[in-house]
């Protein structure tokens, strides 16, 4: 299988992680306040106590699996954009930074679940406080913002435009999305 095909598969895996993540978000996690500034740490740790596997699976899917597939996608896209020297290196750099931040956010998120689950029976308030602190770190790494991802999309669009690899409308959409 060529790097281009593997990159295409990685892109599909990334897309699938978003679909699964959003499905769980709107069905199970929205009532806890996920996706809003009104998240309830006490409700989250109670949910973790009842269903820790759901949270571990969600974090692993949206962060860890996504980040690992993203690394492959970044390298494959950089290879495909090689006619745009310089920009390819910048694009690869920002893409790998984004993948590392996403992976780190997922590792923190899973540790938050594990530590909150271990603490919940003894002290639910302390479990909620610990989860809230670790969740803030998770969001800071990349779960709550898409700055690195936006820069990567912008760089991919610039490199693809310079290499003549994208139709103008996709080039413009990528630039707009990256900004």
Foldseek 3Di string as FASTA:
>chain_A
DDLLVLLVVLVVLLVVLVVVLVVCCVPPNVVQVPPHPPHDLLVVLVVLLVCVVVQLVNLCSNFVSNLVSQLSNLVSLLVVLVVQPPLSVVLSVLSNLLSVLSNVLSVLSNVLSVVLNVCCVPPSVVNSVSSVVSNVVSLVSPPVDCLSVLCSLLSSLVSCVVSVNDDPVSSVVSNVSSD
